[in-house]
Amino acid sequence: MRTRPPTRRNLKYCTADGVCAMPWVLLSLPGSFIAASLLNSLFQIGPFWFGIVTAMPAVANAIHILILPFFAKFMLVRDMAISFGWLNLGAWFGGALGIAFLPMDQPDQAGLFFAILYGTISISASLMGIAWTSWVGDFVPPDLRGRYFGKRNRLTSVSTIVFMVLSIAVLQFFDASRQAYLILISLALFGRMVSMMILHLIQSPDPSGGVISHANWAREISDLRQQKTLLRFIGFGSLAGFWLAGAGAIVALYAFNDLGTTPAQFTQFSLVATISGAICLPIWGKLIDRHGAIPIIMITFSAWRAGDVGWIFITPDGLEWMYLIWLWGGAMGTGYVLATFTAILKLIPKKSRSAGISLNLTSTSIAGAVAPLIVGVLLSRVGEFGISTTLACRAGMTICLTGGLLSVLVLYRMREPETDPQLNTVNGAMRTLRQLTVNQGVSFFSNTVLVRRNKRPPH
């Protein structure tokens, strides 16, 4: 990539920021391997509180659209990204101090603490993320975005895998104690502090630091009423996301509370899914180019849900089968996310891009927030009716998997536009879906920037 010196430095800083921030990104998602084990294995906050905590990132994605215009009036994107980044880090430092002294025999107190903590960091991270996305669009040249973010994503994936391997070693050596988590949290926060300092070095071509787009997406809603295919696809994404979020909440609760999975084992399962997903990513890209996004979505999502049927039958004595389940899930989940991204690129019209992104993000976020709340409430009360949590989790997984498989019917005979996805961009529209896939092991999507890569012209 031939770039001017200031741009070249900015791209290097942006890459370094992503690599250093990866552990913090994973820590900030309550469904990730490290947070899920912290909440369910160490503090054992229970289904009710875990459902609330797990819903926080989706809730933040849904409501940030309402409060973003207020900050956009007073803050430029560079200032907003850095300010909310430091605010988020400060909240985490306070949270780490609380984790060091929080009683482990009072689940309700711990659950309330983590609900407040993750609520605070989720909304600050959401506001920071939308500002960062706009800022990146200012200093990364459009003709380089595909190649640059492809390289950046590979390096952040390596950072993810390294942190996961380190987490396995620390959790095993310290027997998944409070000390082990404090070590991993400290490493994650140190990396984030370094990445924040790196952000200060980036020089925006716009001396003012850029501004959030003032496009009023509400005015564009009327145009979207004519986009029947888009509205249908958003309906599918919300329905599929609901069942996916419900299954993701059950996975962590079932694994730790009923199957006796250790934090190190759970991290190993996530590592397998992450590696298989990373390996299959270029394969899915070629298949999508050849056969279209909608067929690949139907195949991968159906195969992903069908593969998770193993959760219904697995027992504590057969945990080794988990590797196969997560291996398959990582491969299929990656194809689903990539195909969904391509379909969204094709379906959202450029003239109504702001409204389309907002509508998709809000709809999927609401669905992703409601499902874990329902799961948490139901699983916390099954004992009152004499039902074991094991039976309840298996029944819940059966319902979520069946609902997910049936949701694919929404796409039946849906026509895929012939538009070139390289001619559009949908920054931020995939945030909730990426977070939901992390809940089921595909960890490298937690900080992946999805950008359609420009094809090289034939010689």
Protein backbone atom coordinates (compact mmCIF):
# COMPACT_ATOMS: atom_id res chain seq x y z
CA MET A 1 0.00 0.00 0.00
CA ARG A 2 1.60 3.24 -1.19
CA THR A 3 0.57 6.04 1.13
CA ARG A 4 1.76 9.45 2.18
CA PRO A 5 3.92 9.54 5.35
CA PRO A 6 1.18 11.01 7.65
CA THR A 7 -1.34 8.47 6.39
CA ARG A 8 1.16 5.64 6.75
CA ARG A 9 1.83 6.60 10.36
CA ASN A 10 -1.89 6.87 11.07
CA LEU A 11 -2.51 3.39 9.69
CA LYS A 12 0.31 1.94 11.79
CA TYR A 13 -1.05 3.61 14.91
CA CYS A 14 -4.57 2.41 14.14
CA THR A 15 -3.31 -1.16 13.76
CA ALA A 16 -1.32 -0.96 16.99
CA ASP A 17 -4.41 0.38 18.74
CA GLY A 18 -6.45 -2.62 17.60
CA VAL A 19 -3.82 -5.17 18.60
CA CYS A 20 -3.33 -3.69 22.08
CA ALA A 21 -7.05 -3.25 22.72
CA MET A 22 -8.18 -6.80 21.90
CA PRO A 23 -8.06 -8.20 25.48
CA TRP A 24 -10.09 -5.20 26.70
CA VAL A 25 -12.64 -5.72 23.93
CA LEU A 26 -13.16 -9.33 24.99
CA LEU A 27 -13.34 -8.35 28.66
CA SER A 28 -16.05 -5.81 27.83
CA LEU A 29 -18.41 -8.43 26.36
CA PRO A 30 -20.13 -10.38 29.17
CA GLY A 31 -20.68 -13.38 26.90
CA SER A 32 -16.99 -13.79 26.04
CA PHE A 33 -14.93 -16.61 27.50
CA ILE A 34 -13.23 -14.51 30.19
CA ALA A 35 -16.27 -12.50 31.32
CA ALA A 36 -18.66 -15.48 31.21
CA SER A 37 -16.35 -17.56 33.40
CA LEU A 38 -15.77 -14.63 35.78
CA LEU A 39 -19.52 -14.15 36.26
CA ASN A 40 -20.63 -17.79 36.34
CA SER A 41 -17.67 -19.69 37.71
CA LEU A 42 -16.04 -17.33 40.21
CA PHE A 43 -18.92 -15.16 41.43
CA GLN A 44 -21.79 -17.45 40.37
CA ILE A 45 -24.23 -14.56 39.97
CA GLY A 46 -27.00 -16.87 38.76
CA PRO A 47 -29.27 -16.88 35.68
CA PHE A 48 -31.28 -13.78 36.57
CA TRP A 49 -28.34 -11.44 36.92
CA PHE A 50 -26.37 -13.07 34.09
CA GLY A 51 -29.31 -12.44 31.77
CA ILE A 52 -29.34 -8.78 32.74
CA VAL A 53 -25.57 -8.37 32.40
CA THR A 54 -25.47 -10.20 29.06
CA ALA A 55 -28.16 -7.88 27.67
CA MET A 56 -26.21 -4.71 28.47
CA PRO A 57 -24.17 -4.38 25.21
CA ALA A 58 -27.31 -4.82 23.10
CA VAL A 59 -29.23 -2.36 25.27
CA ALA A 60 -26.42 0.17 24.82
CA ASN A 61 -26.45 -0.32 21.05
CA ALA A 62 -30.20 0.29 21.01
CA ILE A 63 -30.27 3.46 23.11
CA HIS A 64 -27.06 5.12 21.94
CA ILE A 65 -28.90 6.29 18.84
CA LEU A 66 -31.15 8.40 21.07
CA ILE A 67 -28.34 10.09 23.01
CA LEU A 68 -25.72 10.35 20.27
CA PRO A 69 -27.19 13.55 18.71
CA PHE A 70 -26.76 15.37 22.03
CA PHE A 71 -23.02 14.69 22.20
CA ALA A 72 -22.59 15.22 18.44
CA LYS A 73 -23.67 18.84 18.90
CA PHE A 74 -20.80 19.58 21.28
CA MET A 75 -18.03 17.11 20.44
CA LEU A 76 -16.02 16.25 17.34
CA VAL A 77 -15.52 12.59 16.51
CA ARG A 78 -11.87 12.51 17.56
CA ASP A 79 -12.67 14.12 20.89
CA MET A 80 -15.67 11.87 21.41
CA ALA A 81 -13.73 8.67 20.64
CA ILE A 82 -10.88 9.57 22.96
CA SER A 83 -13.02 11.05 25.74
CA PHE A 84 -15.41 8.11 25.98
CA GLY A 85 -12.44 5.76 25.62
CA TRP A 86 -10.81 7.19 28.73
CA LEU A 87 -14.17 7.29 30.52
CA ASN A 88 -14.65 3.61 29.75
CA LEU A 89 -11.15 2.78 30.94
CA GLY A 90 -11.70 4.72 34.15
CA ALA A 91 -14.89 2.76 34.79
CA TRP A 92 -12.96 -0.45 34.27
CA PHE A 93 -10.24 0.58 36.72
CA GLY A 94 -12.95 1.18 39.31
CA GLY A 95 -14.55 -2.13 38.35
CA ALA A 96 -11.27 -3.99 38.74
CA LEU A 97 -10.86 -2.54 42.22
CA GLY A 98 -14.37 -3.68 43.07
CA ILE A 99 -13.72 -7.18 41.71
CA ALA A 100 -10.67 -7.44 43.97
CA PHE A 101 -12.80 -7.01 47.11
CA LEU A 102 -16.28 -8.13 46.02
CA PRO A 103 -17.61 -11.00 48.22
CA MET A 104 -17.87 -14.28 46.34
CA ASP A 105 -20.62 -15.71 48.55
CA GLN A 106 -23.22 -13.01 47.82
CA PRO A 107 -24.49 -13.55 44.25
CA ASP A 108 -27.15 -10.84 44.36
CA GLN A 109 -24.67 -8.21 45.47
CA ALA A 110 -22.20 -9.36 42.81
CA GLY A 111 -24.92 -9.45 40.17
CA LEU A 112 -25.99 -5.87 40.89
CA PHE A 113 -22.37 -4.74 40.84
CA PHE A 114 -21.69 -6.31 37.44
CA ALA A 115 -25.00 -5.05 36.01
CA ILE A 116 -24.00 -1.48 36.89
CA LEU A 117 -20.42 -2.01 35.70
CA TYR A 118 -21.34 -3.51 32.35
CA GLY A 119 -24.14 -1.01 31.86
CA THR A 120 -21.66 1.84 32.28
CA ILE A 121 -18.92 0.39 30.10
CA SER A 122 -21.37 -0.75 27.42
CA ILE A 123 -22.90 2.67 26.83
CA SER A 124 -19.51 4.42 26.90
CA ALA A 125 -18.06 1.79 24.54
CA SER A 126 -21.03 2.15 22.18
CA LEU A 127 -20.67 5.93 21.96
CA MET A 128 -16.92 5.60 21.58
CA GLY A 129 -17.36 2.97 18.87
CA ILE A 130 -19.63 5.07 16.65
CA ALA A 131 -17.28 8.05 17.00
CA TRP A 132 -14.22 5.88 16.27
CA THR A 133 -15.88 4.46 13.16
CA SER A 134 -16.56 7.97 11.83
CA TRP A 135 -13.04 9.08 12.71
CA VAL A 136 -11.48 6.11 10.91
CA GLY A 137 -13.41 7.05 7.80
CA ASP A 138 -11.62 10.40 7.95
CA PHE A 139 -8.02 9.22 8.03
CA VAL A 140 -8.16 5.87 6.18
CA PRO A 141 -8.29 6.51 2.42
CA PRO A 142 -11.33 4.85 0.78
CA ASP A 143 -9.24 3.04 -1.84
CA LEU A 144 -7.13 1.41 0.88
CA ARG A 145 -9.83 0.40 3.36
CA GLY A 146 -10.40 -3.14 2.12
CA ARG A 147 -6.73 -4.12 2.04
CA TYR A 148 -5.85 -2.19 5.18
CA PHE A 149 -8.63 -3.54 7.39
CA GLY A 150 -8.04 -7.04 6.03
CA LYS A 151 -4.46 -6.81 7.32
CA ARG A 152 -5.56 -5.15 10.56
CA ASN A 153 -8.17 -7.85 11.18
CA ARG A 154 -5.56 -10.58 10.74
CA LEU A 155 -3.28 -8.96 13.31
CA THR A 156 -6.10 -8.41 15.80
CA SER A 157 -7.07 -12.06 15.33
CA VAL A 158 -3.52 -13.06 16.25
CA SER A 159 -3.75 -10.82 19.32
CA THR A 160 -7.03 -12.50 20.27
CA ILE A 161 -5.56 -15.99 19.98
CA VAL A 162 -2.45 -15.02 21.97
CA PHE A 163 -4.60 -13.61 24.79
CA MET A 164 -6.78 -16.72 24.78
CA VAL A 165 -3.75 -19.01 25.06
CA LEU A 166 -2.36 -16.84 27.85
CA SER A 167 -5.74 -16.95 29.61
CA ILE A 168 -5.77 -20.74 29.49
CA ALA A 169 -2.31 -20.87 31.06
CA VAL A 170 -3.13 -18.32 33.79
CA LEU A 171 -6.49 -19.92 34.65
CA GLN A 172 -4.92 -23.36 34.92
CA PHE A 173 -1.85 -22.23 36.88
CA PHE A 174 -3.87 -20.20 39.41
CA ASP A 175 -6.79 -22.65 39.44
CA ALA A 176 -9.23 -20.02 38.10
CA SER A 177 -8.98 -18.04 41.34
CA ARG A 178 -9.72 -14.37 41.89
CA GLN A 179 -6.00 -13.74 41.48
CA ALA A 180 -6.06 -15.31 38.00
CA TYR A 181 -8.85 -13.03 36.82
CA LEU A 182 -7.23 -9.95 38.32
CA ILE A 183 -4.03 -10.75 36.43
CA LEU A 184 -5.92 -11.10 33.14
CA ILE A 185 -8.00 -7.98 33.80
CA SER A 186 -4.86 -6.01 34.63
CA LEU A 187 -3.22 -7.13 31.38
CA ALA A 188 -6.33 -6.19 29.41
CA LEU A 189 -6.56 -2.74 31.01
CA PHE A 190 -2.86 -2.10 30.55
CA GLY A 191 -3.19 -2.95 26.86
CA ARG A 192 -6.17 -0.64 26.58
CA MET A 193 -4.29 2.18 28.28
CA VAL A 194 -1.48 1.76 25.73
CA SER A 195 -3.99 1.74 22.87
CA MET A 196 -5.60 4.93 24.18
CA MET A 197 -2.22 6.65 24.24
CA ILE A 198 -1.64 5.50 20.67
CA LEU A 199 -4.95 7.07 19.60
CA HIS A 200 -3.62 10.47 20.67
CA LEU A 201 -0.83 10.09 18.08
CA ILE A 202 -3.20 9.81 15.12
CA GLN A 203 -3.32 13.01 13.07
CA SER A 204 -6.66 13.54 11.38
CA PRO A 205 -6.59 15.15 7.91
CA ASP A 206 -9.47 17.29 9.15
CA PRO A 207 -7.84 19.73 11.62
CA SER A 208 -11.11 19.97 13.53
CA GLY A 209 -11.15 16.23 14.15
CA GLY A 210 -14.26 15.55 12.08
CA VAL A 211 -17.93 15.61 12.98
CA ILE A 212 -20.68 13.01 13.30
CA SER A 213 -22.92 12.92 10.25
CA HIS A 214 -25.91 15.17 10.78
CA ALA A 215 -28.11 13.16 8.44
CA ASN A 216 -31.54 12.86 9.95
CA TRP A 217 -32.34 9.19 9.53
CA ALA A 218 -35.94 9.78 10.56
CA ARG A 219 -36.46 11.74 7.32
CA GLU A 220 -35.20 8.77 5.36
CA ILE A 221 -37.58 6.26 6.93
CA SER A 222 -40.21 7.07 4.32
CA ASP A 223 -37.78 5.93 1.60
CA LEU A 224 -37.17 2.66 3.42
CA ARG A 225 -40.88 1.81 3.31
CA GLN A 226 -40.39 1.02 -0.35
CA GLN A 227 -37.44 -1.28 0.40
CA LYS A 228 -39.50 -4.40 1.06
CA THR A 229 -36.56 -6.76 0.70
CA LEU A 230 -34.46 -4.77 3.18
CA LEU A 231 -37.26 -4.65 5.75
CA ARG A 232 -37.77 -8.38 5.32
CA PHE A 233 -34.08 -9.02 5.83
CA ILE A 234 -33.98 -6.82 8.94
CA GLY A 235 -36.94 -8.82 10.25
CA PHE A 236 -35.00 -12.03 9.67
CA GLY A 237 -31.89 -10.61 11.34
CA SER A 238 -33.86 -9.56 14.40
CA LEU A 239 -35.67 -12.89 14.66
CA ALA A 240 -32.49 -14.91 14.16
CA GLY A 241 -30.63 -12.63 16.57
CA PHE A 242 -33.29 -13.17 19.23
CA TRP A 243 -32.85 -16.95 19.15
CA LEU A 244 -29.08 -16.62 18.83
CA ALA A 245 -28.88 -14.34 21.88
CA GLY A 246 -31.09 -16.69 23.89
CA ALA A 247 -28.93 -19.68 23.03
CA GLY A 248 -25.77 -17.70 23.84
CA ALA A 249 -27.03 -16.93 27.34
CA ILE A 250 -27.96 -20.58 27.95
CA VAL A 251 -24.58 -21.82 26.70
CA ALA A 252 -22.56 -20.10 29.44
CA LEU A 253 -25.03 -20.92 32.22
CA TYR A 254 -25.36 -24.56 31.19
CA ALA A 255 -21.63 -25.07 30.67
CA PHE A 256 -20.54 -23.74 34.07
CA ASN A 257 -23.49 -24.55 36.32
CA ASP A 258 -24.62 -27.95 35.04
CA LEU A 259 -21.88 -29.50 32.92
CA GLY A 260 -19.06 -28.54 35.28
CA THR A 261 -16.92 -26.92 32.60
CA THR A 262 -13.83 -25.24 34.01
CA PRO A 263 -12.89 -21.70 32.91
CA ALA A 264 -9.78 -23.05 31.18
CA GLN A 265 -11.86 -25.61 29.27
CA PHE A 266 -14.41 -23.00 28.24
CA THR A 267 -11.58 -20.84 26.92
CA GLN A 268 -10.21 -23.81 24.99
CA PHE A 269 -13.59 -24.35 23.35
CA SER A 270 -13.72 -20.68 22.36
CA LEU A 271 -10.17 -20.89 21.02
CA VAL A 272 -11.13 -23.81 18.76
CA ALA A 273 -14.11 -21.85 17.41
CA THR A 274 -11.98 -18.75 16.86
CA ILE A 275 -9.29 -20.63 14.93
CA SER A 276 -11.77 -22.55 12.76
CA GLY A 277 -13.61 -19.33 11.97
CA ALA A 278 -10.43 -17.51 11.01
CA ILE A 279 -9.36 -20.37 8.74
CA CYS A 280 -12.73 -20.53 6.97
CA LEU A 281 -13.13 -16.77 6.49
CA PRO A 282 -11.50 -16.54 3.03
CA ILE A 283 -13.32 -19.68 1.88
CA TRP A 284 -16.69 -18.16 2.72
CA GLY A 285 -15.73 -14.96 0.91
CA LYS A 286 -15.16 -16.87 -2.33
CA LEU A 287 -18.39 -18.87 -1.95
CA ILE A 288 -20.39 -15.69 -1.35
CA ASP A 289 -18.93 -14.08 -4.47
CA ARG A 290 -19.83 -17.18 -6.49
CA HIS A 291 -23.26 -18.12 -5.12
CA GLY A 292 -24.56 -14.94 -3.47
CA ALA A 293 -25.04 -13.93 0.16
CA ILE A 294 -28.63 -15.09 0.80
CA PRO A 295 -28.00 -18.81 -0.02
CA ILE A 296 -24.87 -18.81 2.14
CA ILE A 297 -26.81 -17.21 5.02
CA MET A 298 -29.46 -19.90 4.83
CA ILE A 299 -26.93 -22.72 4.66
CA THR A 300 -24.52 -21.49 7.34
CA PHE A 301 -27.14 -20.40 9.87
CA SER A 302 -29.09 -23.65 9.47
CA ALA A 303 -25.90 -25.70 9.76
CA TRP A 304 -24.77 -23.67 12.78
CA ARG A 305 -28.06 -24.20 14.61
CA ALA A 306 -28.17 -27.87 13.65
CA GLY A 307 -24.63 -28.40 14.95
CA ASP A 308 -25.56 -26.95 18.31
CA VAL A 309 -28.09 -29.76 18.81
CA GLY A 310 -25.19 -31.46 20.59
CA TRP A 311 -25.81 -29.12 23.54
CA ILE A 312 -29.10 -30.92 24.18
CA PHE A 313 -27.50 -34.33 24.60
CA ILE A 314 -24.05 -33.61 26.03
CA THR A 315 -23.25 -34.71 29.59
CA PRO A 316 -20.43 -33.87 32.02
CA ASP A 317 -18.73 -37.14 31.01
CA GLY A 318 -18.69 -36.20 27.34
CA LEU A 319 -17.22 -32.71 27.40
CA GLU A 320 -14.65 -33.68 24.77
CA TRP A 321 -17.48 -33.49 22.23
CA MET A 322 -17.58 -29.77 22.93
CA TYR A 323 -14.50 -29.30 20.76
CA LEU A 324 -16.36 -30.66 17.73
CA ILE A 325 -19.45 -28.55 18.46
CA TRP A 326 -17.44 -25.33 18.78
CA LEU A 327 -15.21 -26.22 15.81
CA TRP A 328 -18.29 -26.54 13.61
CA GLY A 329 -19.94 -23.48 15.15
CA GLY A 330 -16.90 -21.29 14.55
CA ALA A 331 -16.75 -22.24 10.88
CA MET A 332 -20.48 -21.81 10.24
CA GLY A 333 -20.85 -18.68 12.38
CA THR A 334 -18.09 -16.95 10.44
CA GLY A 335 -19.81 -17.69 7.14
CA TYR A 336 -23.09 -16.38 8.52
CA VAL A 337 -21.64 -13.07 9.71
CA LEU A 338 -19.69 -12.46 6.50
CA ALA A 339 -22.68 -13.30 4.29
CA THR A 340 -24.97 -11.10 6.41
CA PHE A 341 -22.55 -8.21 6.06
CA THR A 342 -22.49 -8.64 2.27
CA ALA A 343 -26.28 -8.80 2.08
CA ILE A 344 -26.65 -5.64 4.17
CA LEU A 345 -24.19 -3.86 1.87
CA LYS A 346 -26.36 -4.77 -1.11
CA LEU A 347 -29.75 -4.09 0.47
CA ILE A 348 -29.30 -0.72 2.22
CA PRO A 349 -29.68 2.05 -0.41
CA LYS A 350 -26.97 4.70 -0.36
CA LYS A 351 -29.50 7.55 -0.26
CA SER A 352 -31.05 6.10 2.93
CA ARG A 353 -27.89 4.66 4.43
CA SER A 354 -28.16 6.45 7.77
CA ALA A 355 -31.74 5.30 8.31
CA GLY A 356 -31.01 1.77 7.15
CA ILE A 357 -28.05 1.35 9.47
CA SER A 358 -29.95 2.81 12.42
CA LEU A 359 -33.03 0.68 11.80
CA ASN A 360 -31.01 -2.53 11.44
CA LEU A 361 -28.88 -1.83 14.50
CA THR A 362 -31.84 -0.81 16.66
CA SER A 363 -33.99 -3.76 15.64
CA THR A 364 -31.28 -6.40 16.13
CA SER A 365 -30.16 -4.78 19.39
CA ILE A 366 -33.64 -4.86 20.90
CA ALA A 367 -33.97 -8.53 19.96
CA GLY A 368 -30.49 -9.26 21.31
CA ALA A 369 -31.33 -7.56 24.62
CA VAL A 370 -34.76 -9.11 25.22
CA ALA A 371 -33.74 -12.75 24.72
CA PRO A 372 -31.13 -13.06 27.54
CA LEU A 373 -33.46 -11.20 29.89
CA ILE A 374 -36.20 -13.76 29.24
CA VAL A 375 -33.73 -16.64 29.62
CA GLY A 376 -32.41 -15.26 32.90
CA VAL A 377 -35.86 -14.79 34.42
CA LEU A 378 -37.14 -18.22 33.37
CA LEU A 379 -34.06 -20.17 34.46
CA SER A 380 -34.00 -18.39 37.82
CA ARG A 381 -37.56 -19.57 38.56
CA VAL A 382 -37.64 -23.15 37.25
CA GLY A 383 -36.75 -24.49 40.70
CA GLU A 384 -40.05 -23.15 42.04
CA PHE A 385 -41.86 -25.62 39.79
CA GLY A 386 -39.67 -28.60 40.63
CA ILE A 387 -37.83 -28.51 37.30
CA SER A 388 -34.07 -29.10 37.28
CA THR A 389 -31.88 -26.49 35.67
CA THR A 390 -30.36 -29.18 33.45
CA LEU A 391 -33.76 -30.03 31.98
CA ALA A 392 -34.63 -26.35 31.68
CA CYS A 393 -31.39 -25.54 29.83
CA ARG A 394 -31.90 -28.44 27.43
CA ALA A 395 -35.49 -27.39 26.81
CA GLY A 396 -34.39 -23.80 26.32
CA MET A 397 -31.70 -24.80 23.82
CA THR A 398 -34.24 -26.93 21.96
CA ILE A 399 -36.61 -23.97 21.67
CA CYS A 400 -33.85 -21.54 20.63
CA LEU A 401 -32.41 -23.90 18.03
CA THR A 402 -35.84 -24.73 16.62
CA GLY A 403 -36.75 -21.04 16.48
CA GLY A 404 -33.47 -20.27 14.75
CA LEU A 405 -33.99 -22.96 12.13
CA LEU A 406 -37.54 -21.78 11.44
CA SER A 407 -36.41 -18.15 11.13
CA VAL A 408 -34.48 -19.09 7.99
CA LEU A 409 -37.84 -19.53 6.23
CA VAL A 410 -38.16 -15.74 6.20
CA LEU A 411 -35.44 -15.72 3.53
CA TYR A 412 -37.14 -18.33 1.34
CA ARG A 413 -37.22 -17.11 -2.28
CA MET A 414 -35.87 -13.70 -1.28
CA ARG A 415 -34.30 -12.00 -4.28
CA GLU A 416 -30.80 -10.71 -3.78
CA PRO A 417 -30.00 -7.40 -5.50
CA GLU A 418 -27.37 -7.46 -8.23
CA THR A 419 -25.75 -4.30 -6.90
CA ASP A 420 -22.03 -4.26 -6.25
CA PRO A 421 -21.46 -4.34 -2.46
CA GLN A 422 -18.18 -2.50 -2.97
CA LEU A 423 -20.15 0.62 -3.86
CA ASN A 424 -21.68 0.98 -0.40
CA THR A 425 -20.59 1.03 3.22
CA VAL A 426 -22.55 0.32 6.40
CA ASN A 427 -20.31 1.31 9.28
CA GLY A 428 -21.75 0.16 12.60
CA ALA A 429 -24.70 -1.84 11.28
CA MET A 430 -23.16 -5.19 12.28
CA ARG A 431 -22.12 -4.31 15.84
CA THR A 432 -24.76 -6.32 17.72
CA LEU A 433 -24.45 -9.40 15.48
CA ARG A 434 -20.67 -9.44 15.95
CA GLN A 435 -21.15 -9.30 19.71
CA LEU A 436 -23.68 -12.15 19.63
CA THR A 437 -21.27 -14.41 17.75
CA VAL A 438 -18.61 -13.76 20.39
CA ASN A 439 -21.05 -15.21 22.96
CA GLN A 440 -20.80 -18.50 21.10
CA GLY A 441 -17.06 -18.59 20.66
CA VAL A 442 -16.11 -16.65 17.52
CA SER A 443 -13.95 -14.26 19.50
CA PHE A 444 -12.03 -12.62 16.66
CA PHE A 445 -15.21 -10.87 15.49
CA SER A 446 -15.25 -8.80 18.69
CA ASN A 447 -13.03 -6.09 17.16
CA THR A 448 -13.20 -6.90 13.46
CA VAL A 449 -13.85 -4.04 11.05
CA LEU A 450 -15.97 -5.43 8.23
CA VAL A 451 -15.14 -3.69 4.96
CA ARG A 452 -15.74 -5.09 1.50
CA ARG A 453 -12.37 -5.43 -0.23
CA ASN A 454 -12.09 -4.00 -3.73
CA LYS A 455 -11.35 -6.59 -6.37
CA ARG A 456 -8.21 -6.09 -8.39
CA PRO A 457 -8.89 -5.37 -12.04
CA PRO A 458 -7.80 -8.05 -14.50
CA HIS A 459 -4.50 -7.46 -16.24
